[in-house]
Amino acid sequence: MAIYIDPPTWPGHGRMWSHMVSDVSYEELHAFAARIGAPERAFERDHYDVPSHRYGDAVGAGAIEVGSKELVRRLTEAGLRRPKGR
């Protein structure tokens, strides 16, 4: 039961982004996101997009830092992966 976040290495809209996921449920993910002040619009299919300036807030609140491949692996193993186009 954990929240995971990858490094802010994804470019978009003039900044760098991380992905934040749960290995338990979307409910757990939404609750954690609300606690750190992430807007609902930041949720995309199976993860939250977190701007680099908010990365420390997520880690400070308990998100576990993992690489991007590990994040996707944990999301997939939890049965929560929702790839684009599905």
C-alpha atoms as a PDB file:
ATOM      1  CA  MET A   1       0.000   0.000   0.000  1.00  0.00           C
ATOM      2  CA  ALA A   2       1.937   2.993  -1.281  1.00  0.00           C
ATOM      3  CA  ILE A   3       2.077   6.023  -3.512  1.00  0.00           C
ATOM      4  CA  TYR A   4       4.943   6.182  -6.014  1.00  0.00           C
ATOM      5  CA  ILE A   5       6.405   9.073  -7.977  1.00  0.00           C
ATOM      6  CA  ASP A   6       8.999   9.094 -10.745  1.00  0.00           C
ATOM      7  CA  PRO A   7      11.550  11.884 -11.320  1.00  0.00           C
ATOM      8  CA  PRO A   8      10.399  15.043 -13.107  1.00  0.00           C
ATOM      9  CA  THR A   9      11.822  14.118 -16.521  1.00  0.00           C
ATOM     10  CA  TRP A  10       8.724  14.481 -18.719  1.00  0.00           C
ATOM     11  CA  PRO A  11       8.573  17.803 -20.628  1.00  0.00           C
ATOM     12  CA  GLY A  12       5.321  19.608 -21.309  1.00  0.00           C
ATOM     13  CA  HIS A  13       3.867  23.100 -21.269  1.00  0.00           C
ATOM     14  CA  GLY A  14       7.243  24.694 -20.592  1.00  0.00           C
ATOM     15  CA  ARG A  15       8.077  22.658 -17.504  1.00  0.00           C
ATOM     16  CA  MET A  16       9.091  19.182 -16.356  1.00  0.00           C
ATOM     17  CA  TRP A  17       6.648  16.670 -14.877  1.00  0.00           C
ATOM     18  CA  SER A  18       6.536  13.539 -12.727  1.00  0.00           C
ATOM     19  CA  HIS A  19       3.906  10.816 -12.650  1.00  0.00           C
ATOM     20  CA  MET A  20       2.338   9.781  -9.360  1.00  0.00           C
ATOM     21  CA  VAL A  21       0.488   6.461  -8.912  1.00  0.00           C
ATOM     22  CA  SER A  22      -0.942   4.117  -6.291  1.00  0.00           C
ATOM     23  CA  ASP A  23      -0.368   0.385  -6.085  1.00  0.00           C
ATOM     24  CA  VAL A  24      -3.709  -0.095  -4.285  1.00  0.00           C
ATOM     25  CA  SER A  25      -6.520   1.996  -5.757  1.00  0.00           C
ATOM     26  CA  TYR A  26      -7.465   5.191  -7.498  1.00  0.00           C
ATOM     27  CA  GLU A  27      -9.254   6.208  -4.295  1.00  0.00           C
ATOM     28  CA  GLU A  28      -5.960   6.054  -2.382  1.00  0.00           C
ATOM     29  CA  LEU A  29      -4.285   8.068  -5.137  1.00  0.00           C
ATOM     30  CA  HIS A  30      -7.018  10.726  -5.201  1.00  0.00           C
ATOM     31  CA  ALA A  31      -6.935  11.060  -1.398  1.00  0.00           C
ATOM     32  CA  PHE A  32      -3.150  11.508  -1.399  1.00  0.00           C
ATOM     33  CA  ALA A  33      -3.331  14.007  -4.258  1.00  0.00           C
ATOM     34  CA  ALA A  34      -5.949  16.019  -2.369  1.00  0.00           C
ATOM     35  CA  ARG A  35      -3.723  16.074   0.746  1.00  0.00           C
ATOM     36  CA  ILE A  36      -0.863  17.637  -1.203  1.00  0.00           C
ATOM     37  CA  GLY A  37      -3.129  20.063  -3.054  1.00  0.00           C
ATOM     38  CA  ALA A  38      -2.920  18.490  -6.525  1.00  0.00           C
ATOM     39  CA  PRO A  39      -5.849  19.613  -8.673  1.00  0.00           C
ATOM     40  CA  GLU A  40      -8.284  16.984  -9.979  1.00  0.00           C
ATOM     41  CA  ARG A  41      -7.494  18.080 -13.540  1.00  0.00           C
ATOM     42  CA  ALA A  42      -3.953  16.714 -13.041  1.00  0.00           C
ATOM     43  CA  PHE A  43      -5.352  13.144 -13.056  1.00  0.00           C
ATOM     44  CA  GLU A  44      -4.934  11.388 -16.398  1.00  0.00           C
ATOM     45  CA  ARG A  45      -6.295   7.832 -16.842  1.00  0.00           C
ATOM     46  CA  ASP A  46      -4.223   6.135 -14.102  1.00  0.00           C
ATOM     47  CA  HIS A  47      -1.826   8.750 -12.707  1.00  0.00           C
ATOM     48  CA  TYR A  48      -1.419  12.337 -11.609  1.00  0.00           C
ATOM     49  CA  ASP A  49       0.918  14.654 -13.475  1.00  0.00           C
ATOM     50  CA  VAL A  50       2.985  16.515 -10.885  1.00  0.00           C
ATOM     51  CA  PRO A  51       5.055  19.573 -11.905  1.00  0.00           C
ATOM     52  CA  SER A  52       8.698  19.546 -10.839  1.00  0.00           C
ATOM     53  CA  HIS A  53       8.189  22.353  -8.317  1.00  0.00           C
ATOM     54  CA  ARG A  54       5.663  20.131  -6.441  1.00  0.00           C
ATOM     55  CA  TYR A  55       7.810  16.958  -6.503  1.00  0.00           C
ATOM     56  CA  GLY A  56       9.261  17.681  -3.051  1.00  0.00           C
ATOM     57  CA  ASP A  57       5.767  18.176  -1.626  1.00  0.00           C
ATOM     58  CA  ALA A  58       4.755  14.684  -2.778  1.00  0.00           C
ATOM     59  CA  VAL A  59       7.933  13.051  -1.457  1.00  0.00           C
ATOM     60  CA  GLY A  60       7.656  14.970   1.812  1.00  0.00           C
ATOM     61  CA  ALA A  61       4.095  13.688   2.240  1.00  0.00           C
ATOM     62  CA  GLY A  62       5.248  10.100   1.811  1.00  0.00           C
ATOM     63  CA  ALA A  63       5.380   9.305  -1.915  1.00  0.00           C
ATOM     64  CA  ILE A  64       8.136   6.807  -2.671  1.00  0.00           C
ATOM     65  CA  GLU A  65      10.671   7.843  -5.306  1.00  0.00           C
ATOM     66  CA  VAL A  66      11.119   5.230  -8.057  1.00  0.00           C
ATOM     67  CA  GLY A  67      12.290   5.221 -11.653  1.00  0.00           C
ATOM     68  CA  SER A  68       9.766   5.452 -14.474  1.00  0.00           C
ATOM     69  CA  LYS A  69      10.008   1.763 -15.411  1.00  0.00           C
ATOM     70  CA  GLU A  70       9.504   0.712 -11.788  1.00  0.00           C
ATOM     71  CA  LEU A  71       6.489   3.022 -11.498  1.00  0.00           C
ATOM     72  CA  VAL A  72       4.837   1.449 -14.558  1.00  0.00           C
ATOM     73  CA  ARG A  73       5.681  -2.050 -13.307  1.00  0.00           C
ATOM     74  CA  ARG A  74       4.030  -1.436  -9.938  1.00  0.00           C
ATOM     75  CA  LEU A  75       0.988   0.160 -11.566  1.00  0.00           C
ATOM     76  CA  THR A  76       0.614  -2.775 -13.970  1.00  0.00           C
ATOM     77  CA  GLU A  77       1.078  -5.419 -11.255  1.00  0.00           C
ATOM     78  CA  ALA A  78      -1.642  -3.707  -9.216  1.00  0.00           C
ATOM     79  CA  GLY A  79      -4.031  -4.007 -12.176  1.00  0.00           C
ATOM     80  CA  LEU A  80      -4.462  -0.239 -12.329  1.00  0.00           C
ATOM     81  CA  ARG A  81      -2.681   0.509 -15.625  1.00  0.00           C
ATOM     82  CA  ARG A  82      -4.911   2.214 -18.191  1.00  0.00           C
ATOM     83  CA  PRO A  83      -2.842   2.702 -21.379  1.00  0.00           C
ATOM     84  CA  LYS A  84      -3.883   5.302 -23.931  1.00  0.00           C
ATOM     85  CA  GLY A  85      -6.496   4.116 -26.376  1.00  0.00           C
ATOM     86  CA  ARG A  86      -8.193   1.723 -23.941  1.00  0.00           C
END
